[in-house]
């Protein structure tokens, strides 16, 4: 396409022109600019302005910005978001491959991280920011993404999808949508996507594609708080129902890998209910920190835990000894089958290859969802921390322990137990509130008997 009305300003370093209608149905009146930057190829930009004076002013501003970027060693090309996002995924893939030979504990970039980031980039970020360059994405665009993402499964594009299609081992697999994919994502899910978006822009900054001041502000959404501030709980019958649901799933599985996963989750839930420890404490716990001791002819299990920068010793419920023995036996079998050495200083919760399990959140979410217990009556999502509340509540209801002893056992304060954890229903122990008082026996008369003056 030929150029028309071409002329130069700033001693020839800026050329302004319009394009002819040759090869096009309509003649565009917009102005274009070509910039000569030292040690750079000619940079061309569409000014999208029909007025010649305004076009010159914009060209002057663009020339100054390009010149400054060149002096700072930044890229002058206006990269499309999807290209940078794909480069980010490629870079992460290479890092995962480089570290694949290292022991898991030494790996900073794990395959699970790559799968998660790749899903966020390809399913949400690229489709939303498609067609935009990095320089065009503003704070407003980021905030608009959050709204788009919240509505994706309910009234947006995801609502129209009846099946989820993805690749597994080189072939396409189709499945129905889960309950989670039929409602608004929680705050934590959106924040993980904000983290990935922030990493993409940081990746572009390190590649000198954009500068610090060209990066949009990417803020996380605030964690919502339930009205009472209390943590969601589980009643005794709900814990039994959850375990029974998992046992049925375990028995119905034919895949050995899935059976191991279900069995380990059952033991994890039981352990958390029997000890009341924090999720981080269970993650850090090694087998050798669990010791049996005898007092007055009775055998107890003490567990030395550390988390939140503190350490303490607790006494587990008696059934925890059985759970501990089952876990040890399970690990010994896995060590023999998969050719690794079992040691007592290894994590209590590890997979069949002897690698520590970082989190049970995904499998626990599925189990709670299948048992219809993922959310409490107030709509608050349950998690592994729910079992700590279950332990504390039942200790107060069924045990002879007081608030002070329980606070010591759980590594917290009396105030915290009272405010966040204790969830006592007075009807569970009505006999507690029947005691002698000044009116005892006064109203034991026959209801038909009349009072005399």
Protein backbone atom coordinates (compact mmCIF):
# COMPACT_ATOMS: atom_id res chain seq x y z
CA UNK A 1 0.00 0.00 0.00
CA UNK A 2 1.46 3.38 -1.06
CA UNK A 3 1.94 6.32 1.29
CA UNK A 4 0.52 9.78 0.60
CA UNK A 5 0.90 13.25 2.17
CA UNK A 6 4.27 12.21 3.56
CA UNK A 7 6.56 14.71 5.28
CA UNK A 8 9.19 14.84 8.06
CA UNK A 9 9.64 16.81 11.27
CA UNK A 10 12.44 17.05 13.87
CA UNK A 11 15.14 17.14 11.20
CA UNK A 12 13.96 13.95 9.55
CA UNK A 13 13.84 11.61 12.59
CA UNK A 14 10.01 11.55 12.48
CA UNK A 15 8.13 10.86 9.26
CA UNK A 16 4.36 11.34 9.14
CA UNK A 17 2.19 9.95 6.36
CA UNK A 18 -1.22 8.62 5.40
CA UNK A 19 -1.94 5.49 3.44
CA UNK A 20 -3.59 5.52 0.05
CA UNK A 21 -6.79 3.66 -0.73
CA UNK A 22 -4.94 1.33 -3.11
CA UNK A 23 -5.94 -2.25 -2.36
CA UNK A 24 -8.50 -1.08 0.18
CA UNK A 25 -12.23 -0.42 -0.13
CA UNK A 26 -12.11 2.83 1.80
CA UNK A 27 -9.56 5.62 2.15
CA UNK A 28 -8.38 5.97 5.78
CA UNK A 29 -7.72 9.48 7.00
CA UNK A 30 -5.61 8.33 9.97
CA UNK A 31 -1.99 9.42 10.25
CA UNK A 32 0.96 7.08 10.75
CA UNK A 33 4.45 7.81 12.02
CA UNK A 34 7.87 6.28 11.38
CA UNK A 35 10.62 6.93 13.95
CA UNK A 36 14.40 6.76 13.47
CA UNK A 37 15.92 5.81 16.81
CA UNK A 38 19.75 5.50 17.06
CA UNK A 39 20.93 1.90 16.76
CA UNK A 40 17.35 0.67 16.18
CA UNK A 41 15.32 -0.42 13.20
CA UNK A 42 12.68 2.03 12.01
CA UNK A 43 9.69 1.93 14.37
CA UNK A 44 6.23 2.45 12.86
CA UNK A 45 3.08 3.33 14.78
CA UNK A 46 -0.52 4.04 13.84
CA UNK A 47 -1.51 7.34 15.49
CA UNK A 48 -5.25 6.75 14.88
CA UNK A 49 -5.77 10.49 14.50
CA UNK A 50 -7.12 12.29 11.41
CA UNK A 51 -6.12 15.82 12.47
CA UNK A 52 -2.62 16.68 11.25
CA UNK A 53 -1.68 19.01 14.14
CA UNK A 54 -2.79 16.47 16.78
CA UNK A 55 -0.91 13.74 14.91
CA UNK A 56 2.31 15.77 15.06
CA UNK A 57 1.92 16.32 18.82
CA UNK A 58 1.31 12.64 19.44
CA UNK A 59 4.27 11.67 17.24
CA UNK A 60 6.51 14.02 19.26
CA UNK A 61 5.42 12.33 22.52
CA UNK A 62 5.90 8.83 21.11
CA UNK A 63 9.36 9.73 19.80
CA UNK A 64 10.43 11.02 23.23
CA UNK A 65 9.14 7.84 24.98
CA UNK A 66 10.81 5.53 22.46
CA UNK A 67 14.09 7.44 22.74
CA UNK A 68 14.07 7.16 26.55
CA UNK A 69 13.28 3.45 26.42
CA UNK A 70 16.11 2.88 23.98
CA UNK A 71 18.57 4.69 26.28
CA UNK A 72 17.49 2.44 29.18
CA UNK A 73 17.99 -0.65 27.03
CA UNK A 74 14.27 -1.54 26.93
CA UNK A 75 12.56 -3.24 24.01
CA UNK A 76 10.81 -0.80 21.65
CA UNK A 77 8.43 -3.35 20.22
CA UNK A 78 4.85 -3.38 21.49
CA UNK A 79 4.43 -7.02 22.43
CA UNK A 80 1.04 -8.72 22.44
CA UNK A 81 0.04 -10.04 25.85
CA UNK A 82 -0.58 -13.56 24.59
CA UNK A 83 2.96 -13.80 23.16
CA UNK A 84 4.56 -12.74 26.45
CA UNK A 85 2.29 -15.08 28.42
CA UNK A 86 3.26 -17.99 26.17
CA UNK A 87 6.94 -17.11 26.59
CA UNK A 88 6.42 -17.07 30.35
CA UNK A 89 4.97 -20.61 30.24
CA UNK A 90 7.80 -21.77 27.99
CA UNK A 91 10.39 -20.32 30.38
CA UNK A 92 8.70 -22.03 33.33
CA UNK A 93 8.61 -25.32 31.41
CA UNK A 94 12.37 -25.14 30.80
CA UNK A 95 13.00 -24.47 34.50
CA UNK A 96 10.90 -27.47 35.51
CA UNK A 97 12.76 -29.70 33.04
CA UNK A 98 16.16 -28.48 34.30
CA UNK A 99 15.29 -29.30 37.90
CA UNK A 100 13.47 -32.60 37.22
CA UNK A 101 16.57 -34.64 38.12
CA UNK A 102 16.92 -32.95 41.53
CA UNK A 103 15.34 -34.38 44.72
CA UNK A 104 11.83 -33.00 45.20
CA UNK A 105 12.80 -31.06 48.29
CA UNK A 106 15.42 -29.12 46.25
CA UNK A 107 13.10 -28.31 43.35
CA UNK A 108 11.86 -24.72 43.22
CA UNK A 109 9.86 -25.35 40.04
CA UNK A 110 7.70 -28.45 40.22
CA UNK A 111 5.50 -30.07 37.51
CA UNK A 112 2.38 -29.36 39.56
CA UNK A 113 3.25 -25.64 39.58
CA UNK A 114 3.69 -25.68 35.80
CA UNK A 115 0.33 -27.41 35.26
CA UNK A 116 -1.42 -24.90 37.49
CA UNK A 117 0.19 -21.82 35.89
CA UNK A 118 -0.37 -23.13 32.38
CA UNK A 119 -4.06 -23.70 33.09
CA UNK A 120 -4.49 -20.15 34.43
CA UNK A 121 -2.66 -18.62 31.45
CA UNK A 122 -4.37 -20.60 28.68
CA UNK A 123 -7.89 -20.83 30.11
CA UNK A 124 -8.37 -17.39 31.65
CA UNK A 125 -5.63 -14.78 31.16
CA UNK A 126 -4.98 -15.13 27.41
CA UNK A 127 -8.68 -15.33 26.44
CA UNK A 128 -9.46 -12.20 28.47
CA UNK A 129 -6.46 -10.03 27.44
CA UNK A 130 -6.38 -11.34 23.86
CA UNK A 131 -5.58 -8.64 21.31
CA UNK A 132 -4.05 -6.25 23.87
CA UNK A 133 -0.40 -5.31 24.10
CA UNK A 134 1.31 -5.13 27.49
CA UNK A 135 1.40 -1.34 27.26
CA UNK A 136 -2.36 -1.18 26.72
CA UNK A 137 -3.27 -3.12 29.89
CA UNK A 138 -4.20 -0.68 32.64
CA UNK A 139 -5.29 -0.88 36.28
CA UNK A 140 -8.88 -0.70 35.05
CA UNK A 141 -8.35 -3.74 32.79
CA UNK A 142 -7.00 -5.74 35.75
CA UNK A 143 -9.98 -4.83 37.93
CA UNK A 144 -12.35 -5.65 35.06
CA UNK A 145 -10.72 -9.07 34.78
CA UNK A 146 -11.61 -9.81 38.40
CA UNK A 147 -15.27 -9.09 37.69
CA UNK A 148 -15.16 -11.16 34.49
CA UNK A 149 -13.55 -14.05 36.35
CA UNK A 150 -16.10 -14.00 39.18
CA UNK A 151 -18.92 -14.36 36.67
CA UNK A 152 -17.14 -16.79 34.33
CA UNK A 153 -18.90 -19.96 35.51
CA UNK A 154 -22.23 -18.42 36.53
CA UNK A 155 -23.25 -15.99 33.76
CA UNK A 156 -20.15 -15.83 31.54
CA UNK A 157 -18.50 -18.08 28.97
CA UNK A 158 -18.09 -20.99 31.35
CA UNK A 159 -21.84 -21.13 31.96
CA UNK A 160 -22.34 -22.18 28.34
CA UNK A 161 -19.90 -25.09 28.61
CA UNK A 162 -21.56 -28.38 29.48
CA UNK A 163 -18.31 -30.36 29.38
CA UNK A 164 -14.65 -29.66 30.14
CA UNK A 165 -12.23 -30.79 27.40
CA UNK A 166 -8.52 -31.14 28.13
CA UNK A 167 -5.48 -33.16 27.06
CA UNK A 168 -4.07 -36.11 28.99
CA UNK A 169 -1.12 -38.13 27.71
CA UNK A 170 -1.48 -36.63 24.25
CA UNK A 171 -5.20 -37.35 23.83
CA UNK A 172 -8.29 -35.25 24.41
CA UNK A 173 -10.46 -36.12 27.39
CA UNK A 174 -13.96 -34.85 28.10
CA UNK A 175 -15.61 -34.71 31.54
CA UNK A 176 -18.65 -33.11 33.09
CA UNK A 177 -18.28 -29.93 35.13
CA UNK A 178 -17.69 -30.26 38.84
CA UNK A 179 -19.78 -28.41 41.44
CA UNK A 180 -16.88 -25.97 41.85
CA UNK A 181 -17.08 -25.17 38.12
CA UNK A 182 -20.71 -24.18 38.42
CA UNK A 183 -20.30 -21.35 40.89
CA UNK A 184 -18.27 -18.21 41.51
CA UNK A 185 -14.58 -18.86 42.29
CA UNK A 186 -13.48 -18.07 45.83
CA UNK A 187 -11.14 -15.20 46.72
CA UNK A 188 -8.10 -17.47 46.95
CA UNK A 189 -8.53 -18.78 43.40
CA UNK A 190 -8.75 -15.26 41.97
CA UNK A 191 -5.67 -14.22 43.95
CA UNK A 192 -3.64 -17.09 42.51
CA UNK A 193 -4.52 -15.81 39.06
CA UNK A 194 -3.52 -12.29 40.09
CA UNK A 195 -0.16 -13.71 41.22
CA UNK A 196 0.35 -15.36 37.83
CA UNK A 197 -0.57 -12.14 36.00
CA UNK A 198 1.90 -10.24 38.19
CA UNK A 199 4.61 -12.81 37.35
CA UNK A 200 3.98 -12.39 33.61
CA UNK A 201 4.50 -8.64 33.84
CA UNK A 202 7.59 -9.16 36.00
CA UNK A 203 8.88 -11.61 33.38
CA UNK A 204 8.38 -8.91 30.71
CA UNK A 205 10.14 -6.33 32.90
CA UNK A 206 13.19 -8.56 33.35
CA UNK A 207 13.27 -9.06 29.57
CA UNK A 208 13.28 -5.24 29.23
CA UNK A 209 10.04 -5.26 27.27
CA UNK A 210 8.39 -2.84 29.70
CA UNK A 211 9.66 -0.59 32.47
CA UNK A 212 8.59 -0.40 36.12
CA UNK A 213 6.28 2.54 35.60
CA UNK A 214 4.56 0.81 32.67
CA UNK A 215 3.41 -2.08 34.84
CA UNK A 216 -0.23 -1.90 35.99
CA UNK A 217 -1.12 -2.15 39.67
CA UNK A 218 -2.25 -5.72 40.34
CA UNK A 219 -3.90 -5.99 43.74
CA UNK A 220 -5.22 -9.13 45.37
CA UNK A 221 -8.86 -9.29 46.44
CA UNK A 222 -9.49 -9.15 50.17
CA UNK A 223 -10.27 -12.33 52.04
CA UNK A 224 -13.97 -12.24 52.99
CA UNK A 225 -14.84 -12.69 56.64
CA UNK A 226 -17.93 -14.45 57.89
CA UNK A 227 -20.19 -12.37 60.09
CA UNK A 228 -19.35 -14.22 63.30
CA UNK A 229 -15.61 -14.49 62.66
CA UNK A 230 -15.79 -18.13 63.75
CA UNK A 231 -14.16 -20.98 61.92
CA UNK A 232 -16.48 -23.56 60.26
CA UNK A 233 -16.99 -26.70 62.32
CA UNK A 234 -18.07 -30.30 61.87
CA UNK A 235 -20.40 -32.22 64.17
CA UNK A 236 -19.56 -35.75 65.27
CA UNK A 237 -22.07 -37.35 62.90
CA UNK A 238 -20.69 -35.23 60.02
CA UNK A 239 -17.14 -36.46 60.66
CA UNK A 240 -18.43 -40.05 60.64
CA UNK A 241 -20.33 -39.39 57.41
CA UNK A 242 -17.22 -37.90 55.78
CA UNK A 243 -15.08 -40.91 56.74
CA UNK A 244 -17.77 -43.37 55.63
CA UNK A 245 -18.04 -41.60 52.27
CA UNK A 246 -14.27 -41.86 51.82
CA UNK A 247 -14.24 -45.54 52.82
CA UNK A 248 -16.88 -46.30 50.17
CA UNK A 249 -14.79 -44.45 47.57
CA UNK A 250 -11.72 -46.38 48.69
CA UNK A 251 -13.46 -49.76 48.36
CA UNK A 252 -14.87 -48.93 44.93
CA UNK A 253 -11.46 -48.00 43.48
CA UNK A 254 -9.57 -50.48 41.30
CA UNK A 255 -6.62 -48.19 40.58
CA UNK A 256 -3.87 -48.87 43.18
CA UNK A 257 -2.68 -45.26 43.04
CA UNK A 258 -6.15 -43.94 43.85
CA UNK A 259 -6.62 -46.48 46.62
CA UNK A 260 -3.38 -45.35 48.28
CA UNK A 261 -4.45 -41.74 47.97
CA UNK A 262 -7.85 -42.40 49.57
CA UNK A 263 -6.38 -44.48 52.37
CA UNK A 264 -3.81 -41.79 53.19
CA UNK A 265 -6.52 -39.11 53.25
CA UNK A 266 -8.62 -41.21 55.63
CA UNK A 267 -5.65 -41.53 57.99
CA UNK A 268 -4.92 -37.80 57.67
CA UNK A 269 -8.47 -36.80 58.64
CA UNK A 270 -8.45 -39.25 61.55
CA UNK A 271 -5.08 -37.96 62.77
CA UNK A 272 -6.19 -34.32 62.65
CA UNK A 273 -9.39 -35.13 64.56
CA UNK A 274 -7.45 -37.10 67.20
CA UNK A 275 -4.69 -34.54 67.81
CA UNK A 276 -6.18 -31.10 67.12
CA UNK A 277 -2.90 -29.95 65.61
CA UNK A 278 -2.59 -27.21 63.02
CA UNK A 279 -2.27 -27.98 59.32
CA UNK A 280 1.29 -26.59 59.22
CA UNK A 281 2.23 -28.67 62.27
CA UNK A 282 1.02 -31.85 60.59
CA UNK A 283 2.98 -30.94 57.46
CA UNK A 284 6.20 -30.52 59.49
CA UNK A 285 5.66 -33.59 61.66
CA UNK A 286 8.12 -36.50 61.40
CA UNK A 287 7.46 -40.01 62.67
CA UNK A 288 10.18 -39.92 65.32
CA UNK A 289 8.40 -37.00 67.02
CA UNK A 290 5.57 -39.34 68.00
CA UNK A 291 6.42 -41.27 71.19
CA UNK A 292 4.43 -43.69 73.31
CA UNK A 293 4.80 -43.49 77.09
CA UNK A 294 3.23 -45.28 80.04
CA UNK A 295 1.77 -43.70 83.16
CA UNK A 296 -0.13 -45.58 85.90
CA UNK A 297 -0.35 -48.61 83.66
CA UNK A 298 -1.91 -46.69 80.76
CA UNK A 299 -0.22 -46.09 77.39
CA UNK A 300 -0.34 -42.61 75.88
CA UNK A 301 1.01 -40.97 72.73
CA UNK A 302 2.91 -37.70 72.96
CA UNK A 303 3.52 -35.69 69.79
CA UNK A 304 6.15 -32.97 69.53
CA UNK A 305 5.04 -30.40 66.96
CA UNK A 306 6.33 -27.11 65.59
CA UNK A 307 4.62 -24.46 63.50
CA UNK A 308 3.96 -20.70 63.46
CA UNK A 309 7.46 -20.27 64.89
CA UNK A 310 6.65 -22.18 68.07
CA UNK A 311 7.04 -25.72 69.39
CA UNK A 312 5.09 -27.73 71.93
CA UNK A 313 4.26 -31.24 73.08
CA UNK A 314 0.70 -32.55 73.01
CA UNK A 315 -1.03 -35.75 74.10
CA UNK A 316 -3.09 -37.38 71.35
CA UNK A 317 -6.27 -39.38 71.85
CA UNK A 318 -5.67 -43.11 72.26
CA UNK A 319 -6.92 -44.01 68.78
CA UNK A 320 -4.06 -41.96 67.31
CA UNK A 321 -1.67 -44.80 68.24
CA UNK A 322 -3.54 -47.09 65.85
CA UNK A 323 -3.48 -44.45 63.10
CA UNK A 324 0.26 -43.96 63.62
CA UNK A 325 0.95 -47.69 63.35
CA UNK A 326 -1.15 -47.94 60.18
CA UNK A 327 0.74 -45.05 58.59
CA UNK A 328 4.12 -46.53 59.49
CA UNK A 329 3.11 -49.92 58.07
CA UNK A 330 1.81 -48.24 54.90
CA UNK A 331 5.09 -46.33 54.41
CA UNK A 332 7.16 -49.47 54.98
CA UNK A 333 5.16 -51.29 52.31
CA UNK A 334 5.57 -48.39 49.87
CA UNK A 335 9.32 -48.29 50.53
CA UNK A 336 9.62 -51.98 49.71
CA UNK A 337 7.46 -51.72 46.58
CA UNK A 338 9.11 -48.57 45.21
CA UNK A 339 12.69 -49.23 46.31
CA UNK A 340 13.39 -46.47 48.80
CA UNK A 341 14.64 -46.59 52.39
CA UNK A 342 12.20 -46.00 55.21
CA UNK A 343 13.43 -44.01 58.23
CA UNK A 344 11.71 -42.81 61.38
CA UNK A 345 12.89 -39.24 60.77
CA UNK A 346 10.80 -39.01 57.61
CA UNK A 347 7.48 -37.08 57.41
CA UNK A 348 4.44 -38.78 58.88
CA UNK A 349 2.50 -37.85 55.75
CA UNK A 350 4.37 -38.78 52.56
CA UNK A 351 3.48 -40.39 49.24
CA UNK A 352 4.37 -43.86 47.96
CA UNK A 353 7.81 -42.61 46.91
CA UNK A 354 8.74 -41.23 50.31
CA UNK A 355 8.20 -37.59 49.33
CA UNK A 356 6.55 -35.22 51.80
CA UNK A 357 3.00 -34.22 50.93
CA UNK A 358 2.73 -30.46 50.86
CA UNK A 359 -1.04 -30.24 51.02
CA UNK A 360 -4.17 -32.40 51.12
CA UNK A 361 -6.39 -29.47 50.11
CA UNK A 362 -7.41 -30.75 46.67
CA UNK A 363 -8.28 -34.29 47.73
CA UNK A 364 -9.94 -33.01 50.91
CA UNK A 365 -12.03 -30.53 48.94
CA UNK A 366 -13.25 -33.35 46.70
CA UNK A 367 -14.07 -35.54 49.69
CA UNK A 368 -15.96 -32.77 51.50
CA UNK A 369 -17.79 -31.86 48.32
CA UNK A 370 -18.84 -35.46 47.67
CA UNK A 371 -20.08 -35.75 51.25
CA UNK A 372 -21.93 -32.41 50.78
CA UNK A 373 -19.93 -30.89 53.64
CA UNK A 374 -17.68 -28.44 51.80
CA UNK A 375 -19.66 -25.46 53.12
CA UNK A 376 -21.31 -24.97 56.49
CA UNK A 377 -24.82 -23.58 57.03
CA UNK A 378 -23.42 -20.02 56.82
CA UNK A 379 -21.79 -20.65 53.44
CA UNK A 380 -18.26 -20.69 54.89
CA UNK A 381 -15.91 -23.17 53.22
CA UNK A 382 -14.46 -25.94 55.35
CA UNK A 383 -10.81 -26.96 55.17
CA UNK A 384 -8.30 -29.12 57.05
CA UNK A 385 -8.37 -26.55 59.85
CA UNK A 386 -11.98 -27.58 60.51
CA UNK A 387 -10.76 -30.76 62.23
CA UNK A 388 -8.85 -28.68 64.78
CA UNK A 389 -12.09 -26.94 65.73
CA UNK A 390 -13.84 -30.32 65.92
CA UNK A 391 -11.16 -31.56 68.34
CA UNK A 392 -11.33 -28.47 70.56
CA UNK A 393 -15.13 -28.44 70.71
CA UNK A 394 -15.32 -32.13 71.59
CA UNK A 395 -12.58 -31.78 74.19
CA UNK A 396 -14.74 -29.23 75.97
CA UNK A 397 -17.95 -31.23 75.55
CA UNK A 398 -16.80 -34.76 76.31
CA UNK A 399 -13.53 -34.41 78.18
CA UNK A 400 -12.65 -33.32 81.68
CA UNK A 401 -10.24 -30.69 80.37
CA UNK A 402 -10.67 -27.00 81.17
CA UNK A 403 -9.99 -24.00 78.93
CA UNK A 404 -6.51 -23.39 80.34
CA UNK A 405 -5.32 -26.99 79.87
CA UNK A 406 -6.83 -27.11 76.39
CA UNK A 407 -5.10 -23.85 75.41
CA UNK A 408 -1.76 -25.38 76.50
CA UNK A 409 -2.50 -28.60 74.60
CA UNK A 410 -3.42 -26.75 71.39
CA UNK A 411 -0.72 -24.09 71.56
CA UNK A 412 -3.10 -21.15 71.62
CA UNK A 413 -4.79 -18.83 74.12
CA UNK A 414 -8.03 -19.13 76.06
CA UNK A 415 -9.39 -16.08 74.26
CA UNK A 416 -8.72 -17.56 70.83
CA UNK A 417 -10.38 -20.85 71.78
CA UNK A 418 -13.41 -19.01 73.06
CA UNK A 419 -13.66 -16.63 70.10
CA UNK A 420 -12.81 -18.81 67.12
CA UNK A 421 -12.82 -22.48 67.97
CA UNK A 422 -15.33 -23.51 70.62
CA UNK A 423 -18.65 -24.25 68.94
CA UNK A 424 -20.75 -25.73 71.72
CA UNK A 425 -24.42 -26.50 71.34
CA UNK A 426 -25.96 -26.42 74.83
CA UNK A 427 -28.49 -29.09 73.86
CA UNK A 428 -25.70 -31.62 73.39
CA UNK A 429 -25.22 -31.86 77.19
CA UNK A 430 -28.48 -30.62 78.75
CA UNK A 431 -27.70 -32.48 81.99
CA UNK A 432 -24.81 -30.05 82.56
CA UNK A 433 -27.28 -27.27 83.20
CA UNK A 434 -29.41 -29.19 85.72
CA UNK A 435 -27.95 -28.46 89.16
CA UNK A 436 -29.12 -27.74 92.71
CA UNK A 437 -30.32 -24.22 93.35
CA UNK A 438 -32.37 -22.13 95.79
CA UNK A 439 -35.62 -23.19 94.13
CA UNK A 440 -34.85 -26.92 94.10
CA UNK A 441 -38.00 -28.82 95.17
CA UNK A 442 -40.17 -25.74 95.52
CA UNK A 443 -42.19 -26.55 92.44
CA UNK A 444 -42.40 -30.31 92.98
CA UNK A 445 -46.08 -30.08 94.10
CA UNK A 446 -48.82 -31.85 92.23
CA UNK A 447 -49.89 -29.52 89.45
CA UNK A 448 -53.53 -30.08 90.44
CA UNK A 449 -52.95 -29.00 94.03
CA UNK A 450 -54.29 -25.56 94.85
CA UNK A 451 -52.37 -23.01 96.89
CA UNK A 452 -53.79 -21.97 100.22
CA UNK A 453 -53.71 -18.48 101.66
